[in-house]
Amino acid sequence: MSPFVDIHTHRFSGRVIELRARGVHPWQAGEFDREQRFSDDIFAGAQAVGETGLDYACGVDRAAQERLFRLHLEAAERLSLPVVLHCVRAFEPVMEILRRYRLRAVIFHGFIGSPQQAARAVQRGYYLSFGPSAQRSPRTMEALRGCPADRIFAETDDTGADIAEVYAMICEARGMAMETLKERIMLNYCDIFGKDGEK
């Protein structure tokens, strides 16, 4: 049987595969010194860079967020690490900035968007991760149902949910058997990180 993969969590349990990512959240962009740069040492031991991105629903200066986002993407490109994205009401600017970088993989964490946005992200080869909050949006549930299985991840984020519950939600939405979904997400994980998680 395949293990569960929680691609983005703030509450590590050690009971399932949980991605280790490092970065500065866009909410902290205003505290990040304008002249500051990332040392590669910051990402030592990390499997991915993030979460990083843009959040236009918060009050943090957008220019500061964009500068910090680019610093993360430069590091990810330089170190050949995947990127875990935070994207809130900023899909178009995020997509525009991403096109300037050659990135190993891009994962939209906690995807809350339309089927059209999902299709555009998938067309670029990006992955979409769905968590408990997906159920609050009919259009996101439609995106979940239509997303190719080889582009899907599941996550708990900071909700306190059990990853098995998230998988069950995805299975119900897509009409999939649990073991089929577990195998598919594990394959997606291995495609990016390899069987040992360190590709």
N, C-alpha and C. Protein backbone atom coordinates (compact mmCIF):
# COMPACT_ATOMS: atom_id res chain seq x y z
N MET A 1 0.83 -1.20 0.00
CA MET A 1 0.00 0.00 0.00
C MET A 1 0.86 1.25 0.00
N SER A 2 0.46 2.25 -0.76
CA SER A 2 1.21 3.51 -0.83
C SER A 2 0.96 4.34 0.42
N PRO A 3 1.99 5.09 0.86
CA PRO A 3 1.81 5.96 2.03
C PRO A 3 1.07 7.24 1.64
N PHE A 4 0.56 7.94 2.63
CA PHE A 4 -0.01 9.26 2.40
C PHE A 4 1.13 10.26 2.22
N VAL A 5 0.89 11.25 1.36
CA VAL A 5 1.83 12.36 1.17
C VAL A 5 1.11 13.65 1.51
N ASP A 6 1.65 14.39 2.47
CA ASP A 6 1.13 15.71 2.82
C ASP A 6 2.13 16.72 2.26
N ILE A 7 1.80 17.32 1.13
CA ILE A 7 2.78 18.13 0.41
C ILE A 7 3.01 19.49 1.06
N HIS A 8 2.08 19.90 1.96
CA HIS A 8 2.30 21.18 2.66
C HIS A 8 1.57 21.16 4.00
N THR A 9 2.36 21.19 5.07
CA THR A 9 1.77 21.22 6.41
C THR A 9 2.60 22.10 7.32
N HIS A 10 1.93 22.69 8.30
CA HIS A 10 2.61 23.45 9.35
C HIS A 10 2.64 22.64 10.65
N ARG A 11 2.02 21.45 10.61
CA ARG A 11 1.91 20.63 11.81
C ARG A 11 2.45 19.23 11.51
N PHE A 12 3.75 19.10 11.57
CA PHE A 12 4.40 17.84 11.21
C PHE A 12 4.08 16.75 12.23
N SER A 13 3.68 15.59 11.71
CA SER A 13 3.31 14.47 12.58
C SER A 13 4.37 13.37 12.58
N GLY A 14 5.12 13.27 11.49
CA GLY A 14 6.10 12.19 11.36
C GLY A 14 5.48 10.86 11.00
N ARG A 15 4.15 10.85 10.78
CA ARG A 15 3.46 9.58 10.49
C ARG A 15 3.26 9.34 9.00
N VAL A 16 3.41 10.39 8.19
CA VAL A 16 3.23 10.29 6.75
C VAL A 16 4.39 11.02 6.08
N ILE A 17 4.45 10.96 4.76
CA ILE A 17 5.47 11.73 4.04
C ILE A 17 5.07 13.20 4.08
N GLU A 18 5.96 14.04 4.63
CA GLU A 18 5.68 15.47 4.77
C GLU A 18 6.84 16.26 4.18
N LEU A 19 6.52 17.11 3.22
CA LEU A 19 7.55 17.85 2.50
C LEU A 19 8.25 18.86 3.42
N ARG A 20 9.57 18.92 3.30
CA ARG A 20 10.37 19.90 4.03
C ARG A 20 10.73 21.05 3.10
N ALA A 21 10.07 22.19 3.30
CA ALA A 21 10.34 23.38 2.49
C ALA A 21 10.83 24.51 3.40
N ARG A 22 11.64 25.39 2.83
CA ARG A 22 12.14 26.53 3.59
C ARG A 22 11.99 27.80 2.78
N GLY A 23 11.63 28.88 3.48
CA GLY A 23 11.49 30.17 2.81
C GLY A 23 10.89 31.19 3.75
N VAL A 24 10.67 32.39 3.22
CA VAL A 24 10.07 33.48 3.99
C VAL A 24 8.69 33.74 3.39
N HIS A 25 7.66 33.62 4.22
CA HIS A 25 6.28 33.79 3.78
C HIS A 25 6.05 35.22 3.27
N PRO A 26 5.22 35.40 2.23
CA PRO A 26 4.98 36.76 1.74
C PRO A 26 4.40 37.71 2.79
N TRP A 27 3.75 37.17 3.81
CA TRP A 27 3.24 38.04 4.88
C TRP A 27 4.39 38.73 5.63
N GLN A 28 5.59 38.15 5.56
CA GLN A 28 6.76 38.73 6.23
C GLN A 28 7.62 39.58 5.29
N ALA A 29 7.14 39.82 4.10
CA ALA A 29 7.94 40.55 3.10
C ALA A 29 8.32 41.94 3.59
N GLY A 30 7.45 42.59 4.33
CA GLY A 30 7.75 43.92 4.81
C GLY A 30 8.85 43.97 5.85
N GLU A 31 9.13 42.83 6.49
CA GLU A 31 10.18 42.75 7.50
C GLU A 31 11.52 42.35 6.89
N PHE A 32 11.51 42.00 5.61
CA PHE A 32 12.71 41.52 4.94
C PHE A 32 13.46 42.73 4.39
N ASP A 33 14.69 42.91 4.83
CA ASP A 33 15.48 44.08 4.44
C ASP A 33 15.65 44.17 2.93
N ARG A 34 15.52 45.38 2.39
CA ARG A 34 15.58 45.58 0.94
C ARG A 34 16.89 45.10 0.33
N GLU A 35 17.96 45.17 1.09
CA GLU A 35 19.28 44.77 0.57
C GLU A 35 19.61 43.31 0.89
N GLN A 36 18.74 42.65 1.62
CA GLN A 36 19.01 41.28 2.05
C GLN A 36 18.92 40.31 0.88
N ARG A 37 19.77 39.31 0.89
CA ARG A 37 19.76 38.25 -0.11
C ARG A 37 19.77 36.91 0.60
N PHE A 38 19.38 35.86 -0.12
CA PHE A 38 19.39 34.53 0.47
C PHE A 38 20.76 33.88 0.31
N SER A 39 21.27 33.35 1.40
CA SER A 39 22.42 32.48 1.33
C SER A 39 21.91 31.07 1.04
N ASP A 40 22.64 30.32 0.25
CA ASP A 40 22.22 28.95 -0.06
C ASP A 40 22.10 28.10 1.21
N ASP A 41 22.82 28.51 2.26
CA ASP A 41 22.77 27.76 3.52
C ASP A 41 21.37 27.72 4.12
N ILE A 42 20.57 28.76 3.82
CA ILE A 42 19.21 28.82 4.35
C ILE A 42 18.40 27.60 3.91
N PHE A 43 18.71 27.09 2.73
CA PHE A 43 17.93 25.99 2.15
C PHE A 43 18.58 24.63 2.36
N ALA A 44 19.64 24.57 3.17
CA ALA A 44 20.30 23.29 3.44
C ALA A 44 19.30 22.32 4.08
N GLY A 45 19.19 21.14 3.52
CA GLY A 45 18.29 20.13 4.05
C GLY A 45 16.86 20.25 3.57
N ALA A 46 16.55 21.32 2.83
CA ALA A 46 15.19 21.51 2.33
C ALA A 46 14.99 20.73 1.03
N GLN A 47 13.78 20.22 0.86
CA GLN A 47 13.42 19.57 -0.40
C GLN A 47 12.86 20.57 -1.40
N ALA A 48 12.40 21.71 -0.89
CA ALA A 48 11.76 22.69 -1.76
C ALA A 48 11.92 24.08 -1.17
N VAL A 49 11.73 25.08 -2.02
CA VAL A 49 11.73 26.48 -1.60
C VAL A 49 10.28 26.92 -1.38
N GLY A 50 10.00 27.50 -0.22
CA GLY A 50 8.65 27.99 0.00
C GLY A 50 8.22 27.86 1.46
N GLU A 51 7.03 28.23 1.78
CA GLU A 51 6.14 28.69 0.75
C GLU A 51 6.47 30.14 0.40
N THR A 52 6.33 30.45 -0.85
CA THR A 52 6.62 31.78 -1.36
C THR A 52 5.57 32.14 -2.39
N GLY A 53 5.46 33.43 -2.68
CA GLY A 53 4.50 33.84 -3.69
C GLY A 53 3.96 35.22 -3.40
N LEU A 54 2.71 35.44 -3.74
CA LEU A 54 2.07 36.75 -3.57
C LEU A 54 0.71 36.59 -2.92
N ASP A 55 0.40 37.52 -2.02
CA ASP A 55 -0.89 37.53 -1.35
C ASP A 55 -1.43 38.96 -1.42
N TYR A 56 -2.31 39.20 -2.39
CA TYR A 56 -2.84 40.55 -2.58
C TYR A 56 -4.06 40.81 -1.70
N ALA A 57 -4.41 39.85 -0.84
CA ALA A 57 -5.50 40.06 0.11
C ALA A 57 -4.99 40.59 1.44
N CYS A 58 -3.68 40.52 1.66
CA CYS A 58 -3.12 41.01 2.91
C CYS A 58 -2.62 42.44 2.71
N GLY A 59 -2.23 43.09 3.79
CA GLY A 59 -1.84 44.49 3.71
C GLY A 59 -0.37 44.74 3.44
N VAL A 60 0.39 43.69 3.17
CA VAL A 60 1.83 43.85 2.95
C VAL A 60 2.08 44.47 1.57
N ASP A 61 3.02 45.39 1.53
CA ASP A 61 3.36 46.09 0.30
C ASP A 61 3.62 45.11 -0.85
N ARG A 62 2.94 45.34 -1.97
CA ARG A 62 3.04 44.39 -3.09
C ARG A 62 4.42 44.38 -3.72
N ALA A 63 5.07 45.52 -3.81
CA ALA A 63 6.42 45.57 -4.38
C ALA A 63 7.39 44.76 -3.53
N ALA A 64 7.24 44.85 -2.20
CA ALA A 64 8.10 44.08 -1.30
C ALA A 64 7.85 42.59 -1.46
N GLN A 65 6.57 42.21 -1.61
CA GLN A 65 6.24 40.80 -1.84
C GLN A 65 6.86 40.30 -3.14
N GLU A 66 6.75 41.09 -4.19
CA GLU A 66 7.27 40.66 -5.49
C GLU A 66 8.78 40.52 -5.47
N ARG A 67 9.46 41.44 -4.78
CA ARG A 67 10.91 41.35 -4.67
C ARG A 67 11.31 40.07 -3.93
N LEU A 68 10.63 39.80 -2.82
CA LEU A 68 10.93 38.59 -2.04
C LEU A 68 10.64 37.33 -2.84
N PHE A 69 9.55 37.34 -3.58
CA PHE A 69 9.18 36.21 -4.43
C PHE A 69 10.28 35.92 -5.44
N ARG A 70 10.79 36.96 -6.08
CA ARG A 70 11.85 36.77 -7.08
C ARG A 70 13.12 36.22 -6.45
N LEU A 71 13.43 36.66 -5.24
CA LEU A 71 14.61 36.12 -4.55
C LEU A 71 14.46 34.62 -4.32
N HIS A 72 13.26 34.20 -3.92
CA HIS A 72 13.01 32.76 -3.74
C HIS A 72 13.18 32.01 -5.07
N LEU A 73 12.62 32.56 -6.13
CA LEU A 73 12.68 31.88 -7.42
C LEU A 73 14.10 31.81 -7.95
N GLU A 74 14.88 32.85 -7.72
CA GLU A 74 16.30 32.82 -8.11
C GLU A 74 17.03 31.71 -7.37
N ALA A 75 16.75 31.58 -6.07
CA ALA A 75 17.38 30.52 -5.27
C ALA A 75 16.95 29.14 -5.76
N ALA A 76 15.66 28.99 -6.03
CA ALA A 76 15.13 27.69 -6.50
C ALA A 76 15.76 27.31 -7.82
N GLU A 77 15.91 28.27 -8.71
CA GLU A 77 16.52 28.01 -10.01
C GLU A 77 17.99 27.64 -9.83
N ARG A 78 18.69 28.39 -9.00
CA ARG A 78 20.12 28.17 -8.77
C ARG A 78 20.38 26.81 -8.13
N LEU A 79 19.53 26.42 -7.18
CA LEU A 79 19.73 25.18 -6.43
C LEU A 79 18.97 23.99 -7.01
N SER A 80 18.23 24.22 -8.09
CA SER A 80 17.41 23.19 -8.72
C SER A 80 16.45 22.55 -7.72
N LEU A 81 15.74 23.41 -6.98
CA LEU A 81 14.75 22.95 -6.02
C LEU A 81 13.35 23.32 -6.51
N PRO A 82 12.37 22.47 -6.24
CA PRO A 82 10.98 22.82 -6.56
C PRO A 82 10.52 24.00 -5.71
N VAL A 83 9.42 24.61 -6.11
CA VAL A 83 8.87 25.76 -5.42
C VAL A 83 7.45 25.44 -4.94
N VAL A 84 7.16 25.77 -3.68
CA VAL A 84 5.81 25.66 -3.12
C VAL A 84 5.23 27.07 -3.05
N LEU A 85 4.14 27.29 -3.78
CA LEU A 85 3.58 28.62 -3.94
C LEU A 85 2.43 28.94 -3.00
N HIS A 86 2.45 30.18 -2.53
CA HIS A 86 1.31 30.80 -1.84
C HIS A 86 0.77 31.83 -2.82
N CYS A 87 -0.49 31.69 -3.22
CA CYS A 87 -1.06 32.60 -4.20
C CYS A 87 -2.49 32.94 -3.80
N VAL A 88 -2.69 34.20 -3.39
CA VAL A 88 -4.03 34.66 -2.98
C VAL A 88 -4.36 35.93 -3.75
N ARG A 89 -5.40 35.85 -4.56
CA ARG A 89 -5.87 36.97 -5.38
C ARG A 89 -4.73 37.59 -6.20
N ALA A 90 -3.83 36.74 -6.67
CA ALA A 90 -2.66 37.24 -7.40
C ALA A 90 -2.25 36.27 -8.51
N PHE A 91 -3.22 35.54 -9.05
CA PHE A 91 -2.88 34.49 -10.02
C PHE A 91 -2.14 35.05 -11.23
N GLU A 92 -2.64 36.12 -11.81
CA GLU A 92 -2.01 36.66 -13.03
C GLU A 92 -0.58 37.14 -12.78
N PRO A 93 -0.34 37.96 -11.73
CA PRO A 93 1.05 38.36 -11.50
C PRO A 93 1.97 37.20 -11.15
N VAL A 94 1.46 36.21 -10.42
CA VAL A 94 2.29 35.03 -10.11
C VAL A 94 2.67 34.30 -11.39
N MET A 95 1.71 34.08 -12.25
CA MET A 95 1.99 33.37 -13.51
C MET A 95 2.98 34.16 -14.38
N GLU A 96 2.84 35.47 -14.38
CA GLU A 96 3.75 36.31 -15.18
C GLU A 96 5.17 36.25 -14.65
N ILE A 97 5.34 36.32 -13.34
CA ILE A 97 6.68 36.26 -12.76
C ILE A 97 7.29 34.87 -12.96
N LEU A 98 6.50 33.82 -12.78
CA LEU A 98 7.01 32.46 -12.92
C LEU A 98 7.59 32.19 -14.30
N ARG A 99 7.02 32.78 -15.33
CA ARG A 99 7.46 32.47 -16.71
C ARG A 99 8.90 32.90 -16.97
N ARG A 100 9.46 33.72 -16.10
CA ARG A 100 10.83 34.21 -16.29
C ARG A 100 11.89 33.27 -15.75
N TYR A 101 11.47 32.19 -15.11
CA TYR A 101 12.42 31.28 -14.45
C TYR A 101 12.28 29.86 -14.97
N ARG A 102 13.41 29.15 -14.94
CA ARG A 102 13.42 27.74 -15.30
C ARG A 102 13.45 26.94 -14.00
N LEU A 103 12.29 26.44 -13.61
CA LEU A 103 12.14 25.82 -12.30
C LEU A 103 11.91 24.32 -12.42
N ARG A 104 12.47 23.59 -11.48
CA ARG A 104 12.35 22.12 -11.49
C ARG A 104 10.90 21.67 -11.40
N ALA A 105 10.14 22.31 -10.54
CA ALA A 105 8.71 22.01 -10.40
C ALA A 105 8.07 23.15 -9.62
N VAL A 106 6.78 23.34 -9.87
CA VAL A 106 6.01 24.37 -9.18
C VAL A 106 4.74 23.73 -8.63
N ILE A 107 4.50 23.93 -7.34
CA ILE A 107 3.31 23.38 -6.68
C ILE A 107 2.50 24.54 -6.09
N PHE A 108 1.29 24.76 -6.60
CA PHE A 108 0.39 25.74 -6.01
C PHE A 108 -0.21 25.11 -4.76
N HIS A 109 0.23 25.56 -3.59
CA HIS A 109 -0.32 24.97 -2.36
C HIS A 109 -1.67 25.60 -2.05
N GLY A 110 -2.56 24.80 -1.46
CA GLY A 110 -3.88 25.28 -1.07
C GLY A 110 -4.60 25.94 -2.21
N PHE A 111 -4.58 25.31 -3.38
CA PHE A 111 -5.15 25.94 -4.57
C PHE A 111 -6.62 26.30 -4.34
N ILE A 112 -6.92 27.56 -4.53
CA ILE A 112 -8.30 28.06 -4.50
C ILE A 112 -8.44 28.92 -5.75
N GLY A 113 -8.97 28.35 -6.78
CA GLY A 113 -9.10 29.08 -8.03
C GLY A 113 -10.12 28.43 -8.93
N SER A 114 -10.24 28.97 -10.11
CA SER A 114 -11.24 28.50 -11.06
C SER A 114 -10.70 27.34 -11.89
N PRO A 115 -11.58 26.61 -12.57
CA PRO A 115 -11.12 25.57 -13.49
C PRO A 115 -10.25 26.14 -14.60
N GLN A 116 -10.54 27.37 -15.02
CA GLN A 116 -9.74 28.00 -16.08
C GLN A 116 -8.32 28.28 -15.59
N GLN A 117 -8.19 28.77 -14.36
CA GLN A 117 -6.87 29.01 -13.80
C GLN A 117 -6.12 27.70 -13.60
N ALA A 118 -6.83 26.69 -13.12
CA ALA A 118 -6.22 25.38 -12.94
C ALA A 118 -5.69 24.85 -14.27
N ALA A 119 -6.48 24.98 -15.31
CA ALA A 119 -6.07 24.49 -16.63
C ALA A 119 -4.82 25.21 -17.13
N ARG A 120 -4.74 26.51 -16.89
CA ARG A 120 -3.57 27.27 -17.33
C ARG A 120 -2.32 26.84 -16.57
N ALA A 121 -2.47 26.63 -15.26
CA ALA A 121 -1.33 26.18 -14.46
C ALA A 121 -0.86 24.80 -14.91
N VAL A 122 -1.80 23.91 -15.11
CA VAL A 122 -1.46 22.54 -15.55
C VAL A 122 -0.82 22.56 -16.93
N GLN A 123 -1.31 23.43 -17.80
CA GLN A 123 -0.73 23.54 -19.14
C GLN A 123 0.75 23.90 -19.09
N ARG A 124 1.13 24.65 -18.07
CA ARG A 124 2.54 25.02 -17.88
C ARG A 124 3.34 23.89 -17.22
N GLY A 125 2.65 22.83 -16.81
CA GLY A 125 3.33 21.73 -16.15
C GLY A 125 3.37 21.84 -14.64
N TYR A 126 2.61 22.78 -14.08
CA TYR A 126 2.59 22.97 -12.64
C TYR A 126 1.65 21.97 -11.97
N TYR A 127 1.84 21.82 -10.66
CA TYR A 127 1.01 20.93 -9.85
C TYR A 127 0.07 21.77 -8.99
N LEU A 128 -1.09 21.19 -8.65
CA LEU A 128 -2.06 21.84 -7.79
C LEU A 128 -2.27 20.98 -6.54
N SER A 129 -2.15 21.60 -5.39
CA SER A 129 -2.38 20.89 -4.13
C SER A 129 -3.68 21.38 -3.52
N PHE A 130 -4.51 20.43 -3.12
CA PHE A 130 -5.82 20.75 -2.56
C PHE A 130 -5.88 20.35 -1.09
N GLY A 131 -6.49 21.23 -0.30
CA GLY A 131 -6.65 20.97 1.12
C GLY A 131 -8.09 21.15 1.54
N PRO A 132 -8.35 21.15 2.84
CA PRO A 132 -9.73 21.26 3.34
C PRO A 132 -10.47 22.49 2.83
N SER A 133 -9.76 23.60 2.62
CA SER A 133 -10.41 24.85 2.20
C SER A 133 -11.02 24.76 0.81
N ALA A 134 -10.62 23.77 0.02
CA ALA A 134 -11.17 23.62 -1.33
C ALA A 134 -12.69 23.43 -1.29
N GLN A 135 -13.17 22.82 -0.22
CA GLN A 135 -14.61 22.52 -0.11
C GLN A 135 -15.47 23.78 0.04
N ARG A 136 -14.84 24.89 0.39
CA ARG A 136 -15.61 26.13 0.57
C ARG A 136 -15.91 26.82 -0.76
N SER A 137 -15.30 26.34 -1.85
CA SER A 137 -15.45 27.01 -3.14
C SER A 137 -15.94 26.04 -4.21
N PRO A 138 -17.17 26.22 -4.71
CA PRO A 138 -17.67 25.34 -5.78
C PRO A 138 -16.78 25.34 -7.01
N ARG A 139 -16.22 26.49 -7.36
CA ARG A 139 -15.37 26.53 -8.56
C ARG A 139 -14.06 25.78 -8.33
N THR A 140 -13.56 25.81 -7.08
CA THR A 140 -12.34 25.05 -6.79
C THR A 140 -12.63 23.56 -6.82
N MET A 141 -13.78 23.15 -6.33
CA MET A 141 -14.15 21.74 -6.40
C MET A 141 -14.29 21.29 -7.85
N GLU A 142 -14.79 22.18 -8.70
CA GLU A 142 -14.85 21.86 -10.13
C GLU A 142 -13.45 21.72 -10.70
N ALA A 143 -12.53 22.59 -10.27
CA ALA A 143 -11.14 22.50 -10.71
C ALA A 143 -10.52 21.19 -10.24
N LEU A 144 -10.83 20.79 -9.02
CA LEU A 144 -10.32 19.53 -8.47
C LEU A 144 -10.81 18.35 -9.30
N ARG A 145 -12.09 18.37 -9.65
CA ARG A 145 -12.63 17.25 -10.44
C ARG A 145 -12.00 17.17 -11.83
N GLY A 146 -11.63 18.32 -12.38
CA GLY A 146 -11.11 18.35 -13.74
C GLY A 146 -9.60 18.28 -13.86
N CYS A 147 -8.90 18.39 -12.74
CA CYS A 147 -7.43 18.40 -12.78
C CYS A 147 -6.89 17.02 -13.14
N PRO A 148 -5.96 16.93 -14.08
CA PRO A 148 -5.36 15.63 -14.39
C PRO A 148 -4.74 15.01 -13.14
N ALA A 149 -4.91 13.73 -12.97
CA ALA A 149 -4.44 13.06 -11.75
C ALA A 149 -2.94 13.17 -11.58
N ASP A 150 -2.20 13.30 -12.68
CA ASP A 150 -0.75 13.39 -12.56
C ASP A 150 -0.27 14.80 -12.19
N ARG A 151 -1.21 15.69 -11.84
CA ARG A 151 -0.86 17.05 -11.41
C ARG A 151 -1.42 17.38 -10.03
N ILE A 152 -1.91 16.38 -9.31
CA ILE A 152 -2.60 16.60 -8.03
C ILE A 152 -1.73 16.24 -6.83
N PHE A 153 -1.83 17.10 -5.80
CA PHE A 153 -1.31 16.78 -4.47
C PHE A 153 -2.39 17.09 -3.44
N ALA A 154 -2.16 16.61 -2.23
CA ALA A 154 -3.07 16.87 -1.10
C ALA A 154 -2.26 17.45 0.05
N GLU A 155 -2.93 18.24 0.89
CA GLU A 155 -2.22 18.89 1.99
C GLU A 155 -3.17 19.17 3.15
N THR A 156 -2.57 19.40 4.32
CA THR A 156 -3.34 19.81 5.49
C THR A 156 -3.10 21.27 5.83
N ASP A 157 -2.01 21.86 5.35
CA ASP A 157 -1.66 23.25 5.63
C ASP A 157 -1.60 23.45 7.15
N ASP A 158 -2.34 24.41 7.68
CA ASP A 158 -2.32 24.64 9.13
C ASP A 158 -3.70 24.40 9.75
N THR A 159 -4.43 23.46 9.17
CA THR A 159 -5.83 23.26 9.57
C THR A 159 -6.01 22.31 10.74
N GLY A 160 -5.03 21.45 10.97
CA GLY A 160 -5.20 20.42 11.98
C GLY A 160 -5.94 19.20 11.48
N ALA A 161 -6.32 19.22 10.21
CA ALA A 161 -7.00 18.07 9.60
C ALA A 161 -6.03 16.90 9.48
N ASP A 162 -6.59 15.71 9.37
CA ASP A 162 -5.78 14.52 9.08
C ASP A 162 -5.67 14.39 7.57
N ILE A 163 -4.49 14.06 7.07
CA ILE A 163 -4.29 13.97 5.62
C ILE A 163 -5.21 12.91 5.01
N ALA A 164 -5.54 11.87 5.78
CA ALA A 164 -6.45 10.84 5.27
C ALA A 164 -7.83 11.43 4.97
N GLU A 165 -8.24 12.42 5.76
CA GLU A 165 -9.52 13.09 5.51
C GLU A 165 -9.48 13.89 4.21
N VAL A 166 -8.35 14.51 3.94
CA VAL A 166 -8.20 15.28 2.70
C VAL A 166 -8.24 14.33 1.50
N TYR A 167 -7.53 13.23 1.59
CA TYR A 167 -7.57 12.22 0.52
C TYR A 167 -9.00 11.75 0.30
N ALA A 168 -9.74 11.50 1.38
CA ALA A 168 -11.12 11.02 1.26
C ALA A 168 -11.99 12.06 0.55
N MET A 169 -11.77 13.33 0.84
CA MET A 169 -12.51 14.41 0.17
C MET A 169 -12.21 14.41 -1.33
N ILE A 170 -10.94 14.25 -1.68
CA ILE A 170 -10.56 14.21 -3.09
C ILE A 170 -11.14 12.99 -3.78
N CYS A 171 -11.09 11.85 -3.12
CA CYS A 171 -11.66 10.61 -3.68
C CYS A 171 -13.14 10.78 -3.97
N GLU A 172 -13.86 11.36 -3.03
CA GLU A 172 -15.30 11.54 -3.21
C GLU A 172 -15.58 12.49 -4.38
N ALA A 173 -14.82 13.57 -4.45
CA ALA A 173 -15.04 14.56 -5.51
C ALA A 173 -14.75 13.97 -6.89
N ARG A 174 -13.76 13.12 -6.98
CA ARG A 174 -13.31 12.59 -8.27
C ARG A 174 -13.84 11.21 -8.58
N GLY A 175 -14.50 10.57 -7.62
CA GLY A 175 -14.98 9.21 -7.83
C GLY A 175 -13.85 8.21 -7.95
N MET A 176 -12.81 8.40 -7.12
CA MET A 176 -11.63 7.54 -7.16
C MET A 176 -11.59 6.64 -5.93
N ALA A 177 -10.98 5.49 -6.06
CA ALA A 177 -10.72 4.64 -4.91
C ALA A 177 -9.53 5.21 -4.14
N MET A 178 -9.54 5.04 -2.84
CA MET A 178 -8.48 5.59 -2.00
C MET A 178 -7.10 5.09 -2.42
N GLU A 179 -6.96 3.81 -2.62
CA GLU A 179 -5.63 3.28 -2.96
C GLU A 179 -5.16 3.79 -4.31
N THR A 180 -6.09 3.99 -5.24
CA THR A 180 -5.72 4.54 -6.55
C THR A 180 -5.17 5.95 -6.39
N LEU A 181 -5.83 6.76 -5.56
CA LEU A 181 -5.35 8.13 -5.33
C LEU A 181 -4.01 8.11 -4.61
N LYS A 182 -3.85 7.24 -3.62
CA LYS A 182 -2.59 7.17 -2.89
C LYS A 182 -1.44 6.80 -3.82
N GLU A 183 -1.68 5.86 -4.70
CA GLU A 183 -0.64 5.45 -5.66
C GLU A 183 -0.30 6.59 -6.61
N ARG A 184 -1.33 7.30 -7.07
CA ARG A 184 -1.10 8.38 -8.04
C ARG A 184 -0.32 9.54 -7.41
N ILE A 185 -0.71 9.94 -6.20
CA ILE A 185 -0.01 11.05 -5.54
C ILE A 185 1.42 10.65 -5.20
N MET A 186 1.61 9.40 -4.82
CA MET A 186 2.97 8.93 -4.55
C MET A 186 3.82 8.99 -5.82
N LEU A 187 3.23 8.62 -6.95
CA LEU A 187 3.96 8.72 -8.23
C LEU A 187 4.30 10.18 -8.53
N ASN A 188 3.36 11.08 -8.28
CA ASN A 188 3.62 12.50 -8.51
C ASN A 188 4.78 12.99 -7.65
N TYR A 189 4.76 12.55 -6.39
CA TYR A 189 5.84 12.92 -5.47
C TYR A 189 7.19 12.39 -5.97
N CYS A 190 7.21 11.14 -6.39
CA CYS A 190 8.46 10.54 -6.88
C CYS A 190 8.94 11.18 -8.17
N ASP A 191 7.99 11.64 -9.00
CA ASP A 191 8.39 12.31 -10.25
C ASP A 191 9.21 13.57 -9.95
N ILE A 192 8.90 14.23 -8.84
CA ILE A 192 9.63 15.46 -8.49
C ILE A 192 10.84 15.16 -7.61
N PHE A 193 10.63 14.33 -6.58
CA PHE A 193 11.63 14.17 -5.54
C PHE A 193 12.37 12.83 -5.55
N GLY A 194 11.95 11.91 -6.41
CA GLY A 194 12.57 10.60 -6.42
C GLY A 194 12.04 9.73 -5.30
N LYS A 195 12.36 8.47 -5.34
CA LYS A 195 11.83 7.53 -4.34
C LYS A 195 12.34 7.83 -2.94
N ASP A 196 13.53 8.43 -2.84
CA ASP A 196 14.09 8.73 -1.51
C ASP A 196 13.76 10.15 -1.06
N GLY A 197 12.98 10.86 -1.89
CA GLY A 197 12.58 12.22 -1.51
C GLY A 197 13.62 13.27 -1.76
N GLU A 198 14.72 12.92 -2.43
CA GLU A 198 15.83 13.88 -2.59
C GLU A 198 16.33 13.95 -4.03
N LYS A 199 15.48 13.73 -5.00
CA LYS A 199 15.89 13.67 -6.40
C LYS A 199 16.67 14.90 -6.84
